[in-house]
Amino acid sequence: MKSIVFDLDGTLADTSRDMLKAANLCFEEMGHSEVLSEEKHRGTALHGGRAMLTKGLSILNEPDQANIISEYYPKFLKYYKENLYEKTVFYEGAIFCVESMIQKGWNVGICTNKPESLANLLLTKMSAKGYFKSVVGADTLSVRKPNPEPFFETVKQLNGTLSLSCMIGDSVTDYKTAKAAGVPIILVDFPPNDTEINLLKPDAIIKHFNELIPTVESIF
């Protein structure tokens, strides 16, 4: 039985706008307004809270980035939790694809660098939690992607086997995770991704979810 492990942000769902709002609320607390914009920084948002704080502080020419990020990342998580489902949407065809995989008898799980509680909360608010037998987040284990252990844990919770599992992601982190785990990696090329995924040479690249099941079947 195949085990299909998805990343969440930028792969299944475009969470960028709500992530940006949370980051900008942090910058407002620092005394700055709208440091990051939807027009320019949605791609950065898909790399997570620390990436957005780093980007904003660089724009502000702030030299003490490490200490500020350490102070404001917990605040970012608080703001994000309060606003995590205002503009977030699943990519076109994502849920239909997941439903089709389940109908085929495949195991479907999520391995994300979003904190587990926030991932579960978002999926619940989007009425999608029941599709995924496993959700492993950044804090589920003591390590996070690209360490392969979260992937291994996801497959374990799915009662799957590594030889019949693969990673679906959108980033260098997902690519490195799959390579470290020794499993195939399929990368999605959905906006607003700012990663040059072609240069990574994954096992496959898809531009729409209607391509995913045939791609998985061809790999296996």
C-alpha atoms as a PDB file:
ATOM      1  CA  MET A   1       0.000   0.000   0.000  1.00  0.00           C
ATOM      2  CA  LYS A   2       1.412   3.362  -1.038  1.00  0.00           C
ATOM      3  CA  SER A   3       2.032   6.058   1.574  1.00  0.00           C
ATOM      4  CA  ILE A   4       1.855   9.596   0.216  1.00  0.00           C
ATOM      5  CA  VAL A   5       3.326  12.228   2.522  1.00  0.00           C
ATOM      6  CA  PHE A   6       2.461  15.845   1.806  1.00  0.00           C
ATOM      7  CA  ASP A   7       4.026  19.053   2.951  1.00  0.00           C
ATOM      8  CA  LEU A   8       1.313  21.573   3.894  1.00  0.00           C
ATOM      9  CA  ASP A   9       2.288  25.211   3.251  1.00  0.00           C
ATOM     10  CA  GLY A  10       2.798  25.886  -0.436  1.00  0.00           C
ATOM     11  CA  THR A  11       2.004  22.286  -1.348  1.00  0.00           C
ATOM     12  CA  LEU A  12      -1.550  21.511  -0.293  1.00  0.00           C
ATOM     13  CA  ALA A  13      -2.574  25.035   0.662  1.00  0.00           C
ATOM     14  CA  ASP A  14      -1.554  28.612  -0.070  1.00  0.00           C
ATOM     15  CA  THR A  15      -1.144  29.956   3.453  1.00  0.00           C
ATOM     16  CA  SER A  16       1.015  32.912   2.427  1.00  0.00           C
ATOM     17  CA  ARG A  17      -1.421  35.784   2.982  1.00  0.00           C
ATOM     18  CA  ASP A  18      -2.338  34.785   6.517  1.00  0.00           C
ATOM     19  CA  MET A  19       1.320  34.143   7.343  1.00  0.00           C
ATOM     20  CA  LEU A  20       2.258  37.597   6.062  1.00  0.00           C
ATOM     21  CA  LYS A  21      -0.437  39.208   8.181  1.00  0.00           C
ATOM     22  CA  ALA A  22       0.964  37.579  11.314  1.00  0.00           C
ATOM     23  CA  ALA A  23       4.501  38.697  10.468  1.00  0.00           C
ATOM     24  CA  ASN A  24       3.386  42.269   9.785  1.00  0.00           C
ATOM     25  CA  LEU A  25       1.594  42.350  13.144  1.00  0.00           C
ATOM     26  CA  CYS A  26       4.970  41.594  14.702  1.00  0.00           C
ATOM     27  CA  PHE A  27       6.578  44.455  12.791  1.00  0.00           C
ATOM     28  CA  GLU A  28       3.748  46.760  13.839  1.00  0.00           C
ATOM     29  CA  GLU A  29       4.500  45.865  17.456  1.00  0.00           C
ATOM     30  CA  MET A  30       8.105  46.861  16.752  1.00  0.00           C
ATOM     31  CA  GLY A  31       6.893  50.235  15.470  1.00  0.00           C
ATOM     32  CA  HIS A  32       6.886  49.565  11.735  1.00  0.00           C
ATOM     33  CA  SER A  33       3.921  49.190   9.387  1.00  0.00           C
ATOM     34  CA  GLU A  34       3.476  46.848   6.398  1.00  0.00           C
ATOM     35  CA  VAL A  35       7.114  45.858   6.121  1.00  0.00           C
ATOM     36  CA  LEU A  36       6.231  42.826   3.993  1.00  0.00           C
ATOM     37  CA  SER A  37       3.783  42.992   1.092  1.00  0.00           C
ATOM     38  CA  GLU A  38       1.606  40.397  -0.608  1.00  0.00           C
ATOM     39  CA  GLU A  39       2.934  41.574  -3.955  1.00  0.00           C
ATOM     40  CA  LYS A  40       6.600  40.953  -3.153  1.00  0.00           C
ATOM     41  CA  HIS A  41       6.833  38.524  -0.253  1.00  0.00           C
ATOM     42  CA  ARG A  42       4.246  35.758  -0.547  1.00  0.00           C
ATOM     43  CA  GLY A  43       6.979  33.376  -1.658  1.00  0.00           C
ATOM     44  CA  THR A  44       8.987  34.201   1.450  1.00  0.00           C
ATOM     45  CA  ALA A  45       5.931  33.505   3.596  1.00  0.00           C
ATOM     46  CA  LEU A  46       5.842  29.891   2.456  1.00  0.00           C
ATOM     47  CA  HIS A  47       9.269  29.395   4.040  1.00  0.00           C
ATOM     48  CA  GLY A  48       7.805  30.080   7.479  1.00  0.00           C
ATOM     49  CA  GLY A  49       7.719  32.613  10.278  1.00  0.00           C
ATOM     50  CA  ARG A  50      11.434  32.864  10.890  1.00  0.00           C
ATOM     51  CA  ALA A  51      12.066  33.448   7.181  1.00  0.00           C
ATOM     52  CA  MET A  52       9.562  36.304   7.131  1.00  0.00           C
ATOM     53  CA  LEU A  53      10.949  37.895  10.275  1.00  0.00           C
ATOM     54  CA  THR A  54      14.464  37.609   8.846  1.00  0.00           C
ATOM     55  CA  LYS A  55      13.376  39.171   5.562  1.00  0.00           C
ATOM     56  CA  GLY A  56      11.602  42.051   7.265  1.00  0.00           C
ATOM     57  CA  LEU A  57      14.472  42.773   9.625  1.00  0.00           C
ATOM     58  CA  SER A  58      16.864  42.788   6.666  1.00  0.00           C
ATOM     59  CA  ILE A  59      14.631  45.338   4.919  1.00  0.00           C
ATOM     60  CA  LEU A  60      14.763  47.411   8.102  1.00  0.00           C
ATOM     61  CA  ASN A  61      18.583  47.039   8.257  1.00  0.00           C
ATOM     62  CA  GLU A  62      18.273  45.649  11.760  1.00  0.00           C
ATOM     63  CA  PRO A  63      21.654  44.290  12.924  1.00  0.00           C
ATOM     64  CA  ASP A  64      20.414  42.325  15.961  1.00  0.00           C
ATOM     65  CA  GLN A  65      18.297  39.876  14.010  1.00  0.00           C
ATOM     66  CA  ALA A  66      18.912  36.742  16.059  1.00  0.00           C
ATOM     67  CA  ASN A  67      17.703  38.197  19.359  1.00  0.00           C
ATOM     68  CA  ILE A  68      14.700  39.904  17.789  1.00  0.00           C
ATOM     69  CA  ILE A  69      13.628  36.721  16.006  1.00  0.00           C
ATOM     70  CA  SER A  70      14.003  34.790  19.247  1.00  0.00           C
ATOM     71  CA  GLU A  71      11.734  37.320  20.977  1.00  0.00           C
ATOM     72  CA  TYR A  72       9.140  37.697  18.244  1.00  0.00           C
ATOM     73  CA  TYR A  73       8.759  34.189  16.832  1.00  0.00           C
ATOM     74  CA  PRO A  74       6.461  33.117  19.708  1.00  0.00           C
ATOM     75  CA  LYS A  75       4.461  36.303  19.095  1.00  0.00           C
ATOM     76  CA  PHE A  76       4.283  35.441  15.407  1.00  0.00           C
ATOM     77  CA  LEU A  77       2.809  32.049  16.285  1.00  0.00           C
ATOM     78  CA  LYS A  78       0.239  33.737  18.535  1.00  0.00           C
ATOM     79  CA  TYR A  79      -0.809  36.201  15.841  1.00  0.00           C
ATOM     80  CA  TYR A  80      -0.907  33.472  13.225  1.00  0.00           C
ATOM     81  CA  LYS A  81      -3.081  31.210  15.377  1.00  0.00           C
ATOM     82  CA  GLU A  82      -5.575  34.068  15.703  1.00  0.00           C
ATOM     83  CA  ASN A  83      -5.687  34.675  11.925  1.00  0.00           C
ATOM     84  CA  LEU A  84      -4.691  31.402  10.285  1.00  0.00           C
ATOM     85  CA  TYR A  85      -7.828  30.915   8.167  1.00  0.00           C
ATOM     86  CA  GLU A  86      -8.794  34.297   6.752  1.00  0.00           C
ATOM     87  CA  LYS A  87      -7.314  34.016   3.256  1.00  0.00           C
ATOM     88  CA  THR A  88      -5.830  30.513   3.197  1.00  0.00           C
ATOM     89  CA  VAL A  89      -7.096  28.214   0.435  1.00  0.00           C
ATOM     90  CA  PHE A  90      -6.330  24.736  -0.807  1.00  0.00           C
ATOM     91  CA  TYR A  91      -4.763  24.655  -4.241  1.00  0.00           C
ATOM     92  CA  GLU A  92      -7.152  23.771  -7.046  1.00  0.00           C
ATOM     93  CA  GLY A  93      -7.774  20.039  -7.158  1.00  0.00           C
ATOM     94  CA  ALA A  94      -5.892  19.286  -3.921  1.00  0.00           C
ATOM     95  CA  ILE A  95      -8.735  17.760  -1.931  1.00  0.00           C
ATOM     96  CA  PHE A  96     -10.199  15.919  -4.920  1.00  0.00           C
ATOM     97  CA  CYS A  97      -6.733  14.403  -5.461  1.00  0.00           C
ATOM     98  CA  VAL A  98      -6.446  13.371  -1.798  1.00  0.00           C
ATOM     99  CA  GLU A  99      -9.939  11.843  -1.904  1.00  0.00           C
ATOM    100  CA  SER A 100      -8.989   9.883  -5.025  1.00  0.00           C
ATOM    101  CA  MET A 101      -5.855   8.573  -3.318  1.00  0.00           C
ATOM    102  CA  ILE A 102      -7.896   7.398  -0.350  1.00  0.00           C
ATOM    103  CA  GLN A 103     -10.361   5.673  -2.676  1.00  0.00           C
ATOM    104  CA  LYS A 104      -7.404   3.814  -4.188  1.00  0.00           C
ATOM    105  CA  GLY A 105      -6.506   2.588  -0.699  1.00  0.00           C
ATOM    106  CA  TRP A 106      -3.392   4.726  -0.386  1.00  0.00           C
ATOM    107  CA  ASN A 107      -2.252   6.099   2.968  1.00  0.00           C
ATOM    108  CA  VAL A 108      -2.173   9.894   3.081  1.00  0.00           C
ATOM    109  CA  GLY A 109      -0.347  11.970   5.701  1.00  0.00           C
ATOM    110  CA  ILE A 110       1.235  15.352   6.282  1.00  0.00           C
ATOM    111  CA  CYS A 111       4.805  16.154   7.308  1.00  0.00           C
ATOM    112  CA  THR A 112       5.186  19.894   7.838  1.00  0.00           C
ATOM    113  CA  ASN A 113       7.459  22.393   9.538  1.00  0.00           C
ATOM    114  CA  LYS A 114       4.387  24.166  10.866  1.00  0.00           C
ATOM    115  CA  PRO A 115       3.851  23.399  14.577  1.00  0.00           C
ATOM    116  CA  GLU A 116       1.660  20.320  14.854  1.00  0.00           C
ATOM    117  CA  SER A 117      -1.124  22.049  16.782  1.00  0.00           C
ATOM    118  CA  LEU A 118      -1.388  24.823  14.178  1.00  0.00           C
ATOM    119  CA  ALA A 119      -1.386  22.323  11.319  1.00  0.00           C
ATOM    120  CA  ASN A 120      -4.205  20.371  12.948  1.00  0.00           C
ATOM    121  CA  LEU A 121      -6.123  23.542  13.741  1.00  0.00           C
ATOM    122  CA  LEU A 122      -5.850  24.773  10.160  1.00  0.00           C
ATOM    123  CA  LEU A 123      -6.933  21.423   8.720  1.00  0.00           C
ATOM    124  CA  THR A 124      -9.879  21.332  11.108  1.00  0.00           C
ATOM    125  CA  LYS A 125     -10.990  24.847  10.151  1.00  0.00           C
ATOM    126  CA  MET A 126     -10.705  23.873   6.482  1.00  0.00           C
ATOM    127  CA  SER A 127     -12.833  20.752   7.118  1.00  0.00           C
ATOM    128  CA  ALA A 128      -9.990  18.516   5.958  1.00  0.00           C
ATOM    129  CA  LYS A 129      -8.551  16.944   9.105  1.00  0.00           C
ATOM    130  CA  GLY A 130     -10.305  13.631   8.496  1.00  0.00           C
ATOM    131  CA  TYR A 131      -8.468  12.991   5.247  1.00  0.00           C
ATOM    132  CA  PHE A 132      -5.063  12.621   6.883  1.00  0.00           C
ATOM    133  CA  LYS A 133      -4.224   9.633   9.081  1.00  0.00           C
ATOM    134  CA  SER A 134      -1.028  11.297  10.274  1.00  0.00           C
ATOM    135  CA  VAL A 135       0.035  14.903  10.827  1.00  0.00           C
ATOM    136  CA  VAL A 136       3.638  15.354  11.931  1.00  0.00           C
ATOM    137  CA  GLY A 137       4.732  18.923  12.622  1.00  0.00           C
ATOM    138  CA  ALA A 138       7.886  20.848  13.432  1.00  0.00           C
ATOM    139  CA  ASP A 139       7.543  20.092  17.145  1.00  0.00           C
ATOM    140  CA  THR A 140       6.217  16.522  17.014  1.00  0.00           C
ATOM    141  CA  LEU A 141       9.758  15.210  17.414  1.00  0.00           C
ATOM    142  CA  SER A 142      12.930  16.858  18.669  1.00  0.00           C
ATOM    143  CA  VAL A 143      14.027  17.403  15.049  1.00  0.00           C
ATOM    144  CA  ARG A 144      12.287  18.838  11.988  1.00  0.00           C
ATOM    145  CA  LYS A 145      12.655  18.661   8.203  1.00  0.00           C
ATOM    146  CA  PRO A 146      15.072  18.332   6.431  1.00  0.00           C
ATOM    147  CA  ASN A 147      16.020  15.737   9.039  1.00  0.00           C
ATOM    148  CA  PRO A 148      14.326  12.573   7.720  1.00  0.00           C
ATOM    149  CA  GLU A 149      13.000  11.465  11.123  1.00  0.00           C
ATOM    150  CA  PRO A 150       9.693  13.391  10.809  1.00  0.00           C
ATOM    151  CA  PHE A 151       9.120  11.695   7.457  1.00  0.00           C
ATOM    152  CA  PHE A 152       9.892   8.297   8.973  1.00  0.00           C
ATOM    153  CA  GLU A 153       7.471   9.047  11.815  1.00  0.00           C
ATOM    154  CA  THR A 154       4.729  10.018   9.352  1.00  0.00           C
ATOM    155  CA  VAL A 155       5.116   6.760   7.433  1.00  0.00           C
ATOM    156  CA  LYS A 156       5.177   4.829  10.719  1.00  0.00           C
ATOM    157  CA  GLN A 157       1.914   6.431  11.843  1.00  0.00           C
ATOM    158  CA  LEU A 158       0.422   5.533   8.467  1.00  0.00           C
ATOM    159  CA  ASN A 159       1.459   1.895   8.984  1.00  0.00           C
ATOM    160  CA  GLY A 160       3.310   2.220   5.690  1.00  0.00           C
ATOM    161  CA  THR A 161       6.678   1.085   4.364  1.00  0.00           C
ATOM    162  CA  LEU A 162       9.475   3.291   3.088  1.00  0.00           C
ATOM    163  CA  SER A 163       9.797   1.350  -0.150  1.00  0.00           C
ATOM    164  CA  LEU A 164       6.236   2.363  -1.091  1.00  0.00           C
ATOM    165  CA  SER A 165       6.306   5.943   0.187  1.00  0.00           C
ATOM    166  CA  CYS A 166       7.087   9.306  -1.357  1.00  0.00           C
ATOM    167  CA  MET A 167       7.222  12.985  -0.428  1.00  0.00           C
ATOM    168  CA  ILE A 168       5.150  15.701  -2.102  1.00  0.00           C
ATOM    169  CA  GLY A 169       6.549  19.173  -1.417  1.00  0.00           C
ATOM    170  CA  ASP A 170       7.435  22.588  -2.762  1.00  0.00           C
ATOM    171  CA  SER A 171      10.815  23.497  -1.335  1.00  0.00           C
ATOM    172  CA  VAL A 172      14.494  22.724  -0.932  1.00  0.00           C
ATOM    173  CA  THR A 173      13.631  21.515   2.572  1.00  0.00           C
ATOM    174  CA  ASP A 174      11.208  18.908   1.219  1.00  0.00           C
ATOM    175  CA  TYR A 175      13.720  17.875  -1.426  1.00  0.00           C
ATOM    176  CA  LYS A 176      16.457  17.372   1.178  1.00  0.00           C
ATOM    177  CA  THR A 177      14.067  15.503   3.466  1.00  0.00           C
ATOM    178  CA  ALA A 178      13.155  13.005   0.772  1.00  0.00           C
ATOM    179  CA  LYS A 179      16.759  12.525  -0.282  1.00  0.00           C
ATOM    180  CA  ALA A 180      17.822  11.928   3.322  1.00  0.00           C
ATOM    181  CA  ALA A 181      14.973   9.437   3.729  1.00  0.00           C
ATOM    182  CA  GLY A 182      15.844   7.682   0.474  1.00  0.00           C
ATOM    183  CA  VAL A 183      12.391   8.096  -1.061  1.00  0.00           C
ATOM    184  CA  PRO A 184      11.092   9.735  -4.260  1.00  0.00           C
ATOM    185  CA  ILE A 185      10.328  13.454  -4.186  1.00  0.00           C
ATOM    186  CA  ILE A 186       7.655  15.141  -6.303  1.00  0.00           C
ATOM    187  CA  LEU A 187       7.734  18.932  -6.188  1.00  0.00           C
ATOM    188  CA  VAL A 188       4.788  21.171  -6.997  1.00  0.00           C
ATOM    189  CA  ASP A 189       5.245  24.305  -9.073  1.00  0.00           C
ATOM    190  CA  PHE A 190       2.385  26.393  -7.679  1.00  0.00           C
ATOM    191  CA  PRO A 191       2.387  30.153  -7.079  1.00  0.00           C
ATOM    192  CA  PRO A 192       3.647  31.989  -5.131  1.00  0.00           C
ATOM    193  CA  ASN A 193       6.597  29.586  -4.806  1.00  0.00           C
ATOM    194  CA  ASP A 194       9.897  31.427  -5.302  1.00  0.00           C
ATOM    195  CA  THR A 195      12.118  28.311  -5.350  1.00  0.00           C
ATOM    196  CA  GLU A 196      13.832  27.335  -8.595  1.00  0.00           C
ATOM    197  CA  ILE A 197      12.642  23.763  -8.267  1.00  0.00           C
ATOM    198  CA  ASN A 198      13.840  22.769 -11.744  1.00  0.00           C
ATOM    199  CA  LEU A 199      17.414  23.180 -10.537  1.00  0.00           C
ATOM    200  CA  LEU A 200      16.833  20.618  -7.782  1.00  0.00           C
ATOM    201  CA  LYS A 201      16.080  17.879 -10.315  1.00  0.00           C
ATOM    202  CA  PRO A 202      13.401  16.079  -8.279  1.00  0.00           C
ATOM    203  CA  ASP A 203      11.890  12.818  -9.469  1.00  0.00           C
ATOM    204  CA  ALA A 204       8.998  14.817 -10.920  1.00  0.00           C
ATOM    205  CA  ILE A 205       7.437  18.279 -11.004  1.00  0.00           C
ATOM    206  CA  ILE A 206       3.699  18.906 -11.299  1.00  0.00           C
ATOM    207  CA  LYS A 207       1.878  22.128 -12.130  1.00  0.00           C
ATOM    208  CA  HIS A 208      -1.637  20.965 -11.141  1.00  0.00           C
ATOM    209  CA  PHE A 209      -3.007  18.323  -8.812  1.00  0.00           C
ATOM    210  CA  ASN A 210      -4.635  16.473 -11.697  1.00  0.00           C
ATOM    211  CA  GLU A 211      -1.094  15.387 -12.626  1.00  0.00           C
ATOM    212  CA  LEU A 212      -0.192  13.908  -9.254  1.00  0.00           C
ATOM    213  CA  ILE A 213      -1.781  10.454  -9.195  1.00  0.00           C
ATOM    214  CA  PRO A 214      -0.479   9.480 -12.662  1.00  0.00           C
ATOM    215  CA  THR A 215       2.931  10.802 -11.629  1.00  0.00           C
ATOM    216  CA  VAL A 216       2.983   8.734  -8.435  1.00  0.00           C
ATOM    217  CA  GLU A 217       1.885   5.633 -10.342  1.00  0.00           C
ATOM    218  CA  SER A 218       4.645   6.138 -12.918  1.00  0.00           C
ATOM    219  CA  ILE A 219       7.288   6.467 -10.193  1.00  0.00           C
ATOM    220  CA  PHE A 220       6.229   3.244  -8.505  1.00  0.00           C
END
